[in-house]
C-alpha atoms as a PDB file:
ATOM      1  CA  UNK A   1       0.000   0.000   0.000  1.00  0.00           C
ATOM      2  CA  UNK A   2       1.366   3.427  -0.971  1.00  0.00           C
ATOM      3  CA  UNK A   3       2.309   5.764   1.902  1.00  0.00           C
ATOM      4  CA  UNK A   4       2.640   8.889  -0.231  1.00  0.00           C
ATOM      5  CA  UNK A   5       1.268  12.234   1.016  1.00  0.00           C
ATOM      6  CA  UNK A   6      -2.461  12.625   0.405  1.00  0.00           C
ATOM      7  CA  UNK A   7      -1.959  15.453  -2.092  1.00  0.00           C
ATOM      8  CA  UNK A   8       0.993  13.849  -3.912  1.00  0.00           C
ATOM      9  CA  UNK A   9      -0.765  13.143  -7.216  1.00  0.00           C
ATOM     10  CA  UNK A  10      -2.610  16.466  -7.244  1.00  0.00           C
ATOM     11  CA  UNK A  11       0.540  18.574  -6.941  1.00  0.00           C
ATOM     12  CA  UNK A  12       2.840  16.989  -9.547  1.00  0.00           C
ATOM     13  CA  UNK A  13       4.640  19.566 -11.713  1.00  0.00           C
ATOM     14  CA  UNK A  14       3.144  18.044 -14.871  1.00  0.00           C
ATOM     15  CA  UNK A  15       3.666  19.518 -18.314  1.00  0.00           C
ATOM     16  CA  UNK A  16       0.550  21.064 -19.850  1.00  0.00           C
ATOM     17  CA  UNK A  17      -1.495  18.410 -21.590  1.00  0.00           C
ATOM     18  CA  UNK A  18      -0.154  15.449 -19.595  1.00  0.00           C
ATOM     19  CA  UNK A  19      -3.054  13.519 -18.079  1.00  0.00           C
ATOM     20  CA  UNK A  20      -3.090  10.911 -15.328  1.00  0.00           C
ATOM     21  CA  UNK A  21      -4.750   7.777 -16.718  1.00  0.00           C
ATOM     22  CA  UNK A  22      -4.707   5.350 -13.813  1.00  0.00           C
ATOM     23  CA  UNK A  23      -2.802   4.431 -10.647  1.00  0.00           C
ATOM     24  CA  UNK A  24      -2.834   1.432  -8.358  1.00  0.00           C
ATOM     25  CA  UNK A  25      -2.586   0.989  -4.610  1.00  0.00           C
ATOM     26  CA  UNK A  26       1.219   0.672  -4.743  1.00  0.00           C
ATOM     27  CA  UNK A  27       1.747   4.000  -6.496  1.00  0.00           C
ATOM     28  CA  UNK A  28       2.277   2.642 -10.011  1.00  0.00           C
ATOM     29  CA  UNK A  29       0.925   5.307 -12.358  1.00  0.00           C
ATOM     30  CA  UNK A  30       0.253   5.706 -16.073  1.00  0.00           C
ATOM     31  CA  UNK A  31       0.117   9.089 -17.787  1.00  0.00           C
ATOM     32  CA  UNK A  32      -1.004  10.090 -21.272  1.00  0.00           C
ATOM     33  CA  UNK A  33       1.940  11.989 -22.787  1.00  0.00           C
ATOM     34  CA  UNK A  34       1.199  14.406 -25.651  1.00  0.00           C
ATOM     35  CA  UNK A  35       3.316  14.422 -28.798  1.00  0.00           C
ATOM     36  CA  UNK A  36       6.224  16.849 -28.511  1.00  0.00           C
ATOM     37  CA  UNK A  37       6.749  16.357 -24.769  1.00  0.00           C
ATOM     38  CA  UNK A  38       9.999  14.715 -23.641  1.00  0.00           C
ATOM     39  CA  UNK A  39       9.808  11.628 -21.448  1.00  0.00           C
ATOM     40  CA  UNK A  40      12.500  13.277 -19.331  1.00  0.00           C
ATOM     41  CA  UNK A  41      14.793  16.303 -19.659  1.00  0.00           C
ATOM     42  CA  UNK A  42      18.278  15.661 -21.036  1.00  0.00           C
ATOM     43  CA  UNK A  43      19.491  18.679 -19.074  1.00  0.00           C
ATOM     44  CA  UNK A  44      18.129  21.592 -17.046  1.00  0.00           C
ATOM     45  CA  UNK A  45      17.453  23.466 -20.285  1.00  0.00           C
ATOM     46  CA  UNK A  46      14.866  20.793 -21.229  1.00  0.00           C
ATOM     47  CA  UNK A  47      12.867  20.777 -17.992  1.00  0.00           C
ATOM     48  CA  UNK A  48      10.109  22.990 -19.401  1.00  0.00           C
ATOM     49  CA  UNK A  49       9.572  20.480 -22.233  1.00  0.00           C
ATOM     50  CA  UNK A  50       9.464  17.291 -20.155  1.00  0.00           C
ATOM     51  CA  UNK A  51       6.761  15.062 -18.672  1.00  0.00           C
ATOM     52  CA  UNK A  52       7.445  16.603 -15.259  1.00  0.00           C
ATOM     53  CA  UNK A  53       8.926  20.091 -15.326  1.00  0.00           C
ATOM     54  CA  UNK A  54      11.593  19.586 -12.686  1.00  0.00           C
ATOM     55  CA  UNK A  55      15.041  18.130 -12.061  1.00  0.00           C
ATOM     56  CA  UNK A  56      15.739  14.603 -13.367  1.00  0.00           C
ATOM     57  CA  UNK A  57      18.535  12.210 -12.422  1.00  0.00           C
ATOM     58  CA  UNK A  58      19.507   9.977 -15.354  1.00  0.00           C
ATOM     59  CA  UNK A  59      21.269   7.454 -13.108  1.00  0.00           C
ATOM     60  CA  UNK A  60      18.338   6.782 -10.781  1.00  0.00           C
ATOM     61  CA  UNK A  61      15.802   7.688 -13.527  1.00  0.00           C
ATOM     62  CA  UNK A  62      13.957   9.836 -11.023  1.00  0.00           C
ATOM     63  CA  UNK A  63      12.255  13.250 -11.040  1.00  0.00           C
ATOM     64  CA  UNK A  64      12.727  15.440  -7.943  1.00  0.00           C
ATOM     65  CA  UNK A  65      10.895  18.627  -6.916  1.00  0.00           C
ATOM     66  CA  UNK A  66       9.896  20.585  -3.819  1.00  0.00           C
ATOM     67  CA  UNK A  67       6.361  20.572  -2.479  1.00  0.00           C
ATOM     68  CA  UNK A  68       4.691  23.737  -1.187  1.00  0.00           C
ATOM     69  CA  UNK A  69       5.875  22.904   2.347  1.00  0.00           C
ATOM     70  CA  UNK A  70       9.479  22.579   1.132  1.00  0.00           C
ATOM     71  CA  UNK A  71       9.589  18.778   1.348  1.00  0.00           C
ATOM     72  CA  UNK A  72      11.404  16.936  -1.442  1.00  0.00           C
ATOM     73  CA  UNK A  73       9.240  14.655  -3.548  1.00  0.00           C
ATOM     74  CA  UNK A  74      10.241  12.058  -6.130  1.00  0.00           C
ATOM     75  CA  UNK A  75       8.725  10.129  -9.016  1.00  0.00           C
ATOM     76  CA  UNK A  76      10.526   7.312 -10.840  1.00  0.00           C
ATOM     77  CA  UNK A  77      10.275   6.963 -14.632  1.00  0.00           C
ATOM     78  CA  UNK A  78       9.720   3.372 -15.796  1.00  0.00           C
ATOM     79  CA  UNK A  79       9.681   3.561 -19.592  1.00  0.00           C
ATOM     80  CA  UNK A  80      10.278   6.103 -22.331  1.00  0.00           C
ATOM     81  CA  UNK A  81       8.567   7.283 -25.478  1.00  0.00           C
ATOM     82  CA  UNK A  82      10.186   9.311 -28.230  1.00  0.00           C
ATOM     83  CA  UNK A  83       9.161  12.941 -27.824  1.00  0.00           C
ATOM     84  CA  UNK A  84       7.174  12.738 -31.091  1.00  0.00           C
ATOM     85  CA  UNK A  85       5.184   9.698 -29.884  1.00  0.00           C
ATOM     86  CA  UNK A  86       2.117  10.201 -27.698  1.00  0.00           C
ATOM     87  CA  UNK A  87       0.370   7.893 -25.263  1.00  0.00           C
ATOM     88  CA  UNK A  88       0.911   5.643 -22.251  1.00  0.00           C
ATOM     89  CA  UNK A  89       4.021   6.222 -20.152  1.00  0.00           C
ATOM     90  CA  UNK A  90       4.603   4.719 -16.695  1.00  0.00           C
ATOM     91  CA  UNK A  91       6.010   6.058 -13.424  1.00  0.00           C
ATOM     92  CA  UNK A  92       6.175   4.961  -9.791  1.00  0.00           C
ATOM     93  CA  UNK A  93       5.861   6.890  -6.556  1.00  0.00           C
ATOM     94  CA  UNK A  94       8.462   4.790  -4.724  1.00  0.00           C
ATOM     95  CA  UNK A  95      11.841   3.301  -5.537  1.00  0.00           C
ATOM     96  CA  UNK A  96      10.742  -0.164  -4.386  1.00  0.00           C
ATOM     97  CA  UNK A  97       7.807  -0.258  -6.778  1.00  0.00           C
ATOM     98  CA  UNK A  98       9.989   1.127  -9.554  1.00  0.00           C
ATOM     99  CA  UNK A  99      12.499  -1.685  -8.988  1.00  0.00           C
ATOM    100  CA  UNK A 100       9.773  -4.344  -9.062  1.00  0.00           C
ATOM    101  CA  UNK A 101       8.269  -3.078 -12.308  1.00  0.00           C
ATOM    102  CA  UNK A 102      11.660  -2.605 -13.984  1.00  0.00           C
ATOM    103  CA  UNK A 103      12.512  -6.198 -13.109  1.00  0.00           C
ATOM    104  CA  UNK A 104       9.249  -7.269 -14.707  1.00  0.00           C
ATOM    105  CA  UNK A 105      10.061  -5.256 -17.842  1.00  0.00           C
ATOM    106  CA  UNK A 106      13.438  -7.007 -18.005  1.00  0.00           C
ATOM    107  CA  UNK A 107      11.637 -10.352 -18.270  1.00  0.00           C
ATOM    108  CA  UNK A 108       9.887  -9.034 -21.419  1.00  0.00           C
ATOM    109  CA  UNK A 109       6.464  -9.903 -20.054  1.00  0.00           C
ATOM    110  CA  UNK A 110       4.795  -6.574 -20.825  1.00  0.00           C
ATOM    111  CA  UNK A 111       2.036  -6.320 -23.433  1.00  0.00           C
ATOM    112  CA  UNK A 112       2.067  -3.112 -25.475  1.00  0.00           C
ATOM    113  CA  UNK A 113      -0.185  -1.923 -28.266  1.00  0.00           C
ATOM    114  CA  UNK A 114       0.293   1.100 -30.499  1.00  0.00           C
ATOM    115  CA  UNK A 115      -1.836   2.659 -33.197  1.00  0.00           C
ATOM    116  CA  UNK A 116      -0.365   4.442 -36.171  1.00  0.00           C
ATOM    117  CA  UNK A 117      -1.615   6.275 -39.232  1.00  0.00           C
ATOM    118  CA  UNK A 118       0.390   5.295 -42.301  1.00  0.00           C
ATOM    119  CA  UNK A 119       0.528   6.162 -45.971  1.00  0.00           C
ATOM    120  CA  UNK A 120      -0.725   3.392 -48.265  1.00  0.00           C
ATOM    121  CA  UNK A 121      -2.843   0.264 -47.949  1.00  0.00           C
ATOM    122  CA  UNK A 122      -1.328  -2.927 -46.496  1.00  0.00           C
ATOM    123  CA  UNK A 123      -1.739  -6.094 -48.541  1.00  0.00           C
ATOM    124  CA  UNK A 124      -2.641  -8.131 -45.466  1.00  0.00           C
ATOM    125  CA  UNK A 125      -5.163  -7.478 -42.702  1.00  0.00           C
ATOM    126  CA  UNK A 126      -3.084  -9.414 -40.157  1.00  0.00           C
ATOM    127  CA  UNK A 127       0.600 -10.289 -40.215  1.00  0.00           C
ATOM    128  CA  UNK A 128       3.545 -11.074 -37.936  1.00  0.00           C
ATOM    129  CA  UNK A 129       6.549  -9.013 -38.948  1.00  0.00           C
ATOM    130  CA  UNK A 130      10.033 -10.490 -38.457  1.00  0.00           C
ATOM    131  CA  UNK A 131      13.079  -8.343 -39.234  1.00  0.00           C
ATOM    132  CA  UNK A 132      16.774  -8.077 -38.426  1.00  0.00           C
ATOM    133  CA  UNK A 133      17.685  -4.487 -37.585  1.00  0.00           C
ATOM    134  CA  UNK A 134      20.842  -2.531 -36.841  1.00  0.00           C
ATOM    135  CA  UNK A 135      20.704   0.066 -34.069  1.00  0.00           C
ATOM    136  CA  UNK A 136      23.448   2.665 -33.691  1.00  0.00           C
ATOM    137  CA  UNK A 137      24.040   6.037 -32.063  1.00  0.00           C
ATOM    138  CA  UNK A 138      25.036   8.889 -34.335  1.00  0.00           C
ATOM    139  CA  UNK A 139      26.031  12.143 -32.653  1.00  0.00           C
ATOM    140  CA  UNK A 140      23.908  11.351 -29.607  1.00  0.00           C
ATOM    141  CA  UNK A 141      20.894  10.362 -31.730  1.00  0.00           C
ATOM    142  CA  UNK A 142      19.612   6.833 -32.273  1.00  0.00           C
ATOM    143  CA  UNK A 143      19.366   5.561 -35.839  1.00  0.00           C
ATOM    144  CA  UNK A 144      17.984   2.173 -36.832  1.00  0.00           C
ATOM    145  CA  UNK A 145      18.345   0.501 -40.215  1.00  0.00           C
ATOM    146  CA  UNK A 146      16.663  -2.515 -41.813  1.00  0.00           C
ATOM    147  CA  UNK A 147      19.859  -4.472 -42.427  1.00  0.00           C
ATOM    148  CA  UNK A 148      21.432  -5.884 -39.282  1.00  0.00           C
ATOM    149  CA  UNK A 149      21.445  -8.785 -36.830  1.00  0.00           C
ATOM    150  CA  UNK A 150      19.141  -7.548 -34.055  1.00  0.00           C
ATOM    151  CA  UNK A 151      15.817  -9.462 -34.200  1.00  0.00           C
ATOM    152  CA  UNK A 152      12.621  -7.415 -34.152  1.00  0.00           C
ATOM    153  CA  UNK A 153       9.115  -8.836 -34.116  1.00  0.00           C
ATOM    154  CA  UNK A 154       5.763  -7.055 -34.293  1.00  0.00           C
ATOM    155  CA  UNK A 155       2.174  -8.211 -34.687  1.00  0.00           C
ATOM    156  CA  UNK A 156       0.385  -6.048 -37.274  1.00  0.00           C
ATOM    157  CA  UNK A 157      -3.353  -5.479 -37.805  1.00  0.00           C
ATOM    158  CA  UNK A 158      -5.142  -3.258 -40.314  1.00  0.00           C
ATOM    159  CA  UNK A 159      -8.012  -1.356 -38.695  1.00  0.00           C
ATOM    160  CA  UNK A 160      -9.244   0.877 -41.507  1.00  0.00           C
ATOM    161  CA  UNK A 161      -8.110   2.115 -44.912  1.00  0.00           C
ATOM    162  CA  UNK A 162      -9.289   5.508 -46.199  1.00  0.00           C
ATOM    163  CA  UNK A 163      -8.926   6.934 -49.698  1.00  0.00           C
ATOM    164  CA  UNK A 164      -9.482  10.685 -49.634  1.00  0.00           C
ATOM    165  CA  UNK A 165      -6.868  13.250 -50.586  1.00  0.00           C
ATOM    166  CA  UNK A 166      -4.351  10.609 -49.506  1.00  0.00           C
ATOM    167  CA  UNK A 167      -4.351   6.832 -49.272  1.00  0.00           C
ATOM    168  CA  UNK A 168      -3.969   6.240 -45.529  1.00  0.00           C
ATOM    169  CA  UNK A 169      -4.515   3.359 -43.107  1.00  0.00           C
ATOM    170  CA  UNK A 170      -5.052   3.189 -39.374  1.00  0.00           C
ATOM    171  CA  UNK A 171      -3.166   0.188 -38.003  1.00  0.00           C
ATOM    172  CA  UNK A 172      -2.508  -1.552 -34.689  1.00  0.00           C
ATOM    173  CA  UNK A 173       1.029  -2.640 -33.812  1.00  0.00           C
ATOM    174  CA  UNK A 174       1.950  -4.961 -30.948  1.00  0.00           C
ATOM    175  CA  UNK A 175       5.751  -5.158 -30.576  1.00  0.00           C
ATOM    176  CA  UNK A 176       7.129  -8.444 -29.259  1.00  0.00           C
ATOM    177  CA  UNK A 177      10.590  -6.890 -28.939  1.00  0.00           C
ATOM    178  CA  UNK A 178      11.596  -3.398 -27.844  1.00  0.00           C
ATOM    179  CA  UNK A 179      14.178  -2.104 -30.302  1.00  0.00           C
ATOM    180  CA  UNK A 180      14.755   1.625 -30.731  1.00  0.00           C
ATOM    181  CA  UNK A 181      12.519   3.032 -33.490  1.00  0.00           C
ATOM    182  CA  UNK A 182      11.394  -0.526 -34.229  1.00  0.00           C
ATOM    183  CA  UNK A 183       7.839   0.248 -35.324  1.00  0.00           C
ATOM    184  CA  UNK A 184       8.818   3.217 -37.476  1.00  0.00           C
ATOM    185  CA  UNK A 185      11.518   1.261 -39.302  1.00  0.00           C
ATOM    186  CA  UNK A 186       9.392  -1.850 -39.795  1.00  0.00           C
ATOM    187  CA  UNK A 187       6.596   0.229 -41.320  1.00  0.00           C
ATOM    188  CA  UNK A 188       9.008   2.108 -43.584  1.00  0.00           C
ATOM    189  CA  UNK A 189      10.590  -1.167 -44.773  1.00  0.00           C
ATOM    190  CA  UNK A 190       7.182  -2.292 -46.063  1.00  0.00           C
ATOM    191  CA  UNK A 191       6.617   1.010 -47.877  1.00  0.00           C
ATOM    192  CA  UNK A 192       3.958   1.904 -45.315  1.00  0.00           C
ATOM    193  CA  UNK A 193       5.680   4.875 -43.654  1.00  0.00           C
ATOM    194  CA  UNK A 194       4.116   6.387 -40.558  1.00  0.00           C
ATOM    195  CA  UNK A 195       2.718   9.819 -41.367  1.00  0.00           C
ATOM    196  CA  UNK A 196       4.873  12.602 -39.967  1.00  0.00           C
ATOM    197  CA  UNK A 197       7.994  10.463 -39.492  1.00  0.00           C
ATOM    198  CA  UNK A 198      10.833  12.927 -40.047  1.00  0.00           C
ATOM    199  CA  UNK A 199      13.549  10.263 -39.982  1.00  0.00           C
ATOM    200  CA  UNK A 200      12.260   7.191 -41.814  1.00  0.00           C
ATOM    201  CA  UNK A 201       9.141   8.519 -43.543  1.00  0.00           C
ATOM    202  CA  UNK A 202       8.096   9.877 -46.937  1.00  0.00           C
ATOM    203  CA  UNK A 203       9.166  13.508 -46.675  1.00  0.00           C
ATOM    204  CA  UNK A 204       7.240  14.969 -49.687  1.00  0.00           C
ATOM    205  CA  UNK A 205       4.031  13.208 -48.607  1.00  0.00           C
ATOM    206  CA  UNK A 206       4.560  14.376 -45.019  1.00  0.00           C
ATOM    207  CA  UNK A 207       4.741  18.004 -46.153  1.00  0.00           C
ATOM    208  CA  UNK A 208       1.685  17.700 -48.377  1.00  0.00           C
ATOM    209  CA  UNK A 209      -0.334  15.915 -45.680  1.00  0.00           C
ATOM    210  CA  UNK A 210       0.583  18.501 -43.037  1.00  0.00           C
ATOM    211  CA  UNK A 211      -0.416  21.358 -45.337  1.00  0.00           C
ATOM    212  CA  UNK A 212      -3.723  19.752 -46.341  1.00  0.00           C
ATOM    213  CA  UNK A 213      -4.754  18.728 -42.815  1.00  0.00           C
ATOM    214  CA  UNK A 214      -3.178  21.633 -40.923  1.00  0.00           C
ATOM    215  CA  UNK A 215      -1.501  19.247 -38.525  1.00  0.00           C
ATOM    216  CA  UNK A 216       2.142  18.299 -38.090  1.00  0.00           C
ATOM    217  CA  UNK A 217       3.094  15.426 -35.832  1.00  0.00           C
ATOM    218  CA  UNK A 218       4.280  11.821 -35.875  1.00  0.00           C
ATOM    219  CA  UNK A 219       1.109   9.743 -36.087  1.00  0.00           C
ATOM    220  CA  UNK A 220       2.275   7.049 -33.663  1.00  0.00           C
ATOM    221  CA  UNK A 221       0.440   6.561 -30.362  1.00  0.00           C
ATOM    222  CA  UNK A 222       1.109   4.238 -27.426  1.00  0.00           C
ATOM    223  CA  UNK A 223      -2.428   2.978 -26.965  1.00  0.00           C
ATOM    224  CA  UNK A 224      -2.226   0.386 -24.213  1.00  0.00           C
ATOM    225  CA  UNK A 225       0.149  -1.247 -21.735  1.00  0.00           C
ATOM    226  CA  UNK A 226      -0.739  -4.220 -19.528  1.00  0.00           C
ATOM    227  CA  UNK A 227       1.068  -6.735 -17.310  1.00  0.00           C
ATOM    228  CA  UNK A 228       0.973  -8.432 -13.908  1.00  0.00           C
ATOM    229  CA  UNK A 229       3.889  -7.649 -11.593  1.00  0.00           C
ATOM    230  CA  UNK A 230       5.005  -8.974  -8.221  1.00  0.00           C
ATOM    231  CA  UNK A 231       5.461  -6.693  -5.224  1.00  0.00           C
ATOM    232  CA  UNK A 232       5.650  -7.425  -1.487  1.00  0.00           C
ATOM    233  CA  UNK A 233       4.893 -11.085  -2.093  1.00  0.00           C
ATOM    234  CA  UNK A 234       1.707 -10.449  -4.069  1.00  0.00           C
ATOM    235  CA  UNK A 235       0.760 -10.213  -7.752  1.00  0.00           C
ATOM    236  CA  UNK A 236      -0.860  -7.072  -9.106  1.00  0.00           C
ATOM    237  CA  UNK A 237      -2.462  -6.781 -12.555  1.00  0.00           C
ATOM    238  CA  UNK A 238      -2.045  -3.378 -14.213  1.00  0.00           C
ATOM    239  CA  UNK A 239      -3.547  -1.986 -17.395  1.00  0.00           C
ATOM    240  CA  UNK A 240      -3.561   1.521 -18.840  1.00  0.00           C
ATOM    241  CA  UNK A 241      -5.147   2.825 -22.044  1.00  0.00           C
ATOM    242  CA  UNK A 242      -4.752   6.248 -23.669  1.00  0.00           C
ATOM    243  CA  UNK A 243      -7.433   7.330 -26.176  1.00  0.00           C
ATOM    244  CA  UNK A 244      -6.387   8.246 -29.695  1.00  0.00           C
ATOM    245  CA  UNK A 245      -5.564  11.951 -29.967  1.00  0.00           C
ATOM    246  CA  UNK A 246      -8.048  14.203 -31.712  1.00  0.00           C
ATOM    247  CA  UNK A 247      -5.849  14.732 -34.775  1.00  0.00           C
ATOM    248  CA  UNK A 248      -5.971  10.989 -35.537  1.00  0.00           C
ATOM    249  CA  UNK A 249      -9.758  11.024 -35.503  1.00  0.00           C
ATOM    250  CA  UNK A 250      -9.943  14.009 -37.850  1.00  0.00           C
ATOM    251  CA  UNK A 251      -7.639  12.618 -40.505  1.00  0.00           C
ATOM    252  CA  UNK A 252      -8.550   8.969 -41.164  1.00  0.00           C
END
């Protein structure tokens, strides 16, 4: 049972637009992160752009801030999303819970589902994608390519295809592995680039789509995360869902 102050969750220094989705009795919490918000600041200059607008320790993966009474408060980050990706992101109100959930993540027993808006129409309604990727860091940035030796697996499902000004499809992606930029690269490999992808996407189509729809973002959304973790000798099921952002609903 969480022993956090009664007003802990009401006084978080959350970035505008970040919404609390759900929390359990142990202080495990899911937020809905908007596109463009950093999972955490890379330095003090980024604090105003991060999930919580306060100091962050990269070693402990923990946010720290002062409450109104001057007491130090902390929140541990459990997973990350690229700044351009919206949706479910997890945190914990105590280090013990954070450790338990991170250990569960390490066992790769977490179910994740994303939705994406892509250019084109997939040939299949359902498919299991297997690829070998290469992940490297280039000047502090992660870059992933389709030729490598790192296995990546994703379950794909077509939800709806629309032919208007553009041929677009809303799809569901359930990654079985957690490689950097995995979903974006796997879509691009199949000539189904995610709309708004500034690294692996179709740049001319991105510009035309943004101009026509008056919206500019990466159309990738972390829709749902679920798992059962162990803590204090008991098992706790956890599930969080973040609704599709408004711009998805207006464009497909």
